[in-house]
Protein backbone atom coordinates (compact mmCIF):
# COMPACT_ATOMS: atom_id res chain seq x y z
CA MET A 1 96.16 83.00 124.67
CA SER A 2 97.05 86.35 126.09
CA ILE A 3 96.79 88.30 122.81
CA THR A 4 93.85 88.66 120.45
CA THR A 5 93.67 87.07 117.01
CA GLY A 6 93.95 90.53 115.45
CA GLU A 7 97.11 91.26 117.41
CA MET A 8 98.55 87.88 116.38
CA VAL A 9 97.78 88.57 112.70
CA GLN A 10 99.60 91.91 113.00
CA LYS A 11 102.53 90.17 114.69
CA LEU A 12 102.74 87.48 111.98
CA THR A 13 102.66 90.09 109.21
CA THR A 14 105.32 92.25 110.87
CA VAL A 15 107.64 89.29 111.43
CA ALA A 16 107.12 88.12 107.82
CA LYS A 17 107.83 91.57 106.31
CA THR A 18 110.98 91.98 108.39
CA GLY A 19 112.21 88.46 107.57
CA ALA A 20 111.52 88.74 103.85
CA LYS A 21 113.28 92.11 103.59
CA THR A 22 116.27 90.96 105.67
CA ASN A 23 116.74 87.76 103.69
CA LEU A 24 116.24 89.28 100.25
CA GLU A 25 118.72 92.05 100.93
CA LYS A 26 121.46 89.57 101.92
CA LYS A 27 123.86 89.00 99.02
CA GLU A 28 124.01 85.24 99.58
CA VAL A 29 120.22 84.79 99.23
CA GLY A 30 119.27 84.51 95.58
CA ARG A 31 115.58 83.77 95.97
CA LEU A 32 113.16 83.36 98.87
CA ALA A 33 112.05 79.82 99.57
CA PRO A 34 108.31 79.53 100.32
CA VAL A 35 108.00 80.01 104.10
CA VAL A 36 105.05 79.75 106.46
CA ILE A 37 104.92 81.50 109.84
CA MET A 38 102.17 80.02 112.03
CA ALA A 39 100.36 80.94 115.23
CA ILE A 40 99.80 77.75 117.20
CA LYS A 41 96.35 77.09 118.66
CA HIS A 42 95.90 77.47 122.45
CA THR A 43 99.26 79.26 122.83
CA ASP A 44 100.98 82.46 121.80
CA GLU A 45 103.75 80.41 120.20
CA ILE A 46 104.88 81.19 116.66
CA LYS A 47 106.53 78.56 114.48
CA MET A 48 108.20 79.02 111.13
CA THR A 49 109.17 76.50 108.46
CA SER A 50 109.99 76.49 104.79
CA ILE A 51 107.81 74.45 102.46
CA ALA A 52 109.81 72.38 99.97
CA VAL A 53 108.07 70.47 97.18
CA GLU A 54 109.39 68.96 93.96
CA ASP A 55 106.58 70.49 91.90
CA GLU A 56 104.76 73.75 92.72
CA LYS A 57 101.41 72.08 92.03
CA TYR A 58 101.86 70.31 95.40
CA LEU A 59 102.58 73.50 97.34
CA LYS A 60 98.99 74.07 98.49
CA ASP A 61 98.67 70.48 99.77
CA ALA A 62 102.03 70.69 101.57
CA LEU A 63 101.01 73.97 103.21
CA LYS A 64 97.69 72.51 104.36
CA LEU A 65 99.42 69.46 105.84
CA CYS A 66 101.91 71.69 107.66
CA LEU A 67 99.11 73.83 109.17
CA GLN A 68 97.27 70.71 110.32
CA GLN A 69 100.39 69.09 111.78
CA TYR A 70 101.31 72.15 113.86
CA ASN A 71 97.66 72.90 114.80
CA ALA A 72 97.90 76.48 113.55
CA TYR A 73 94.99 78.89 113.84
CA ALA A 74 96.53 81.62 111.66
CA TYR A 75 99.45 81.89 109.27
CA THR A 76 101.41 84.12 106.95
CA PHE A 77 102.72 82.51 103.77
CA ILE A 78 105.73 84.20 102.17
CA THR A 79 106.70 83.70 98.54
CA GLN A 80 108.65 85.45 95.84
CA GLY A 81 107.03 85.99 92.49
CA LYS A 82 107.15 88.01 89.30
CA GLY A 83 105.15 90.92 88.00
CA THR A 84 104.74 93.10 84.93
CA VAL A 85 103.02 96.31 83.98
CA PHE A 86 102.29 94.78 80.56
CA PRO A 87 99.74 91.97 81.14
CA GLU A 88 98.96 91.76 77.41
CA ALA A 89 102.62 90.93 76.70
CA LEU A 90 102.47 88.21 79.35
CA LEU A 91 99.36 86.76 77.69
CA MET A 92 101.16 86.73 74.35
CA ALA A 93 104.08 84.92 76.05
CA LYS A 94 101.55 82.35 77.37
CA GLY A 95 102.37 83.25 80.99
CA ASN A 96 106.12 82.76 80.62
CA PHE A 97 107.75 85.72 82.40
CA ASN A 98 111.17 84.68 81.07
CA GLU A 99 110.06 85.58 77.55
CA LEU A 100 109.36 89.19 78.53
CA PRO A 101 112.13 91.76 78.06
CA LEU A 102 113.99 92.52 81.32
CA GLU A 103 112.62 96.07 81.43
CA ASP A 104 109.02 94.74 81.27
CA ARG A 105 109.24 92.41 84.29
CA TYR A 106 110.12 92.66 87.95
CA GLU A 107 110.23 90.50 91.07
CA ILE A 108 107.93 90.84 94.07
CA ALA A 109 107.74 89.51 97.60
CA THR A 110 104.22 88.50 98.65
CA LEU A 111 102.65 87.71 102.00
CA GLN A 112 99.23 86.19 102.52
CA THR A 113 97.96 86.25 106.11
CA ILE A 114 94.94 84.11 106.93
CA VAL A 115 92.98 83.13 110.03
CA LYS A 116 91.47 79.63 109.99
CA GLY A 117 87.85 79.65 108.84
CA SER A 118 87.92 83.31 107.75
CA ASP A 119 87.15 84.26 104.16
CA ILE A 120 89.32 87.39 104.36
CA VAL A 121 92.92 87.28 103.19
CA SER A 122 95.37 90.07 104.05
CA ILE A 123 97.78 90.52 101.16
CA SER A 124 101.06 92.43 101.29
CA ILE A 125 103.21 92.97 98.21
CA ALA A 126 106.58 94.68 97.82
CA LYS A 127 108.59 95.20 94.65
CA ILE A 128 112.15 93.88 94.68
CA ASP A 129 114.62 96.14 92.92
CA THR A 130 117.93 94.66 91.76
CA PHE A 131 121.02 96.79 91.20
CA ALA A 132 124.17 94.86 90.24
CA ASP A 133 124.51 92.29 93.05
CA ASN A 134 122.26 94.10 95.53
CA LYS A 135 118.53 93.73 96.10
CA SER A 136 116.28 96.23 97.78
CA VAL A 137 112.74 95.59 98.98
CA GLY A 138 110.43 98.53 98.40
CA GLU A 139 107.46 99.73 100.42
CA TRP A 140 104.82 97.16 101.29
CA SER A 141 101.35 97.60 99.79
CA ASP A 142 98.66 96.09 102.02
CA GLU A 143 95.08 95.16 101.22
CA SER A 144 92.41 92.67 102.19
CA ILE A 145 90.47 90.54 99.75
CA THR A 146 87.80 87.89 99.97
CA ALA A 147 89.56 84.56 99.63
CA ASN A 148 89.28 82.36 96.59
CA SER A 149 89.82 78.80 97.80
CA LYS A 150 91.62 77.91 94.57
CA PHE A 151 94.56 80.02 95.69
CA TYR A 152 94.41 80.31 99.48
CA ILE A 153 93.89 77.80 102.24
CA THR A 154 91.27 79.17 104.63
CA ASP A 155 90.26 75.91 106.29
CA TRP A 156 92.55 73.08 107.30
């Protein structure tokens, strides 16, 4: 490899942010499909694929299999989710965002960037604003957290 792991992580995150924003702001894209952008071991090659599963409970296993198959050493996983500023209302709705009033919920784009074997996960989140038929991706908020293996794949 001619670039460092840190440089590759930055490259993966930049590509993912640009791709998520570009796709979400296209009128014909209703929702982001889960996508993984991978750095392939022993090369500077980057591969991207969407992860399609019938049930979201299989998403983590499908992602792990994909990372193993392509021999990735780092990846950024892109998903679209939901958020609220009223977590108590979400608890009362038993986690069902669709039961919250429209003004109490919003959509977000999330990126998780991980290097194989590391326990640090770089998280980027941007709010998606919808006006009529147009979507706009807001500023990205970046932070690093210690991984919780229940939610992130850090070893594959």
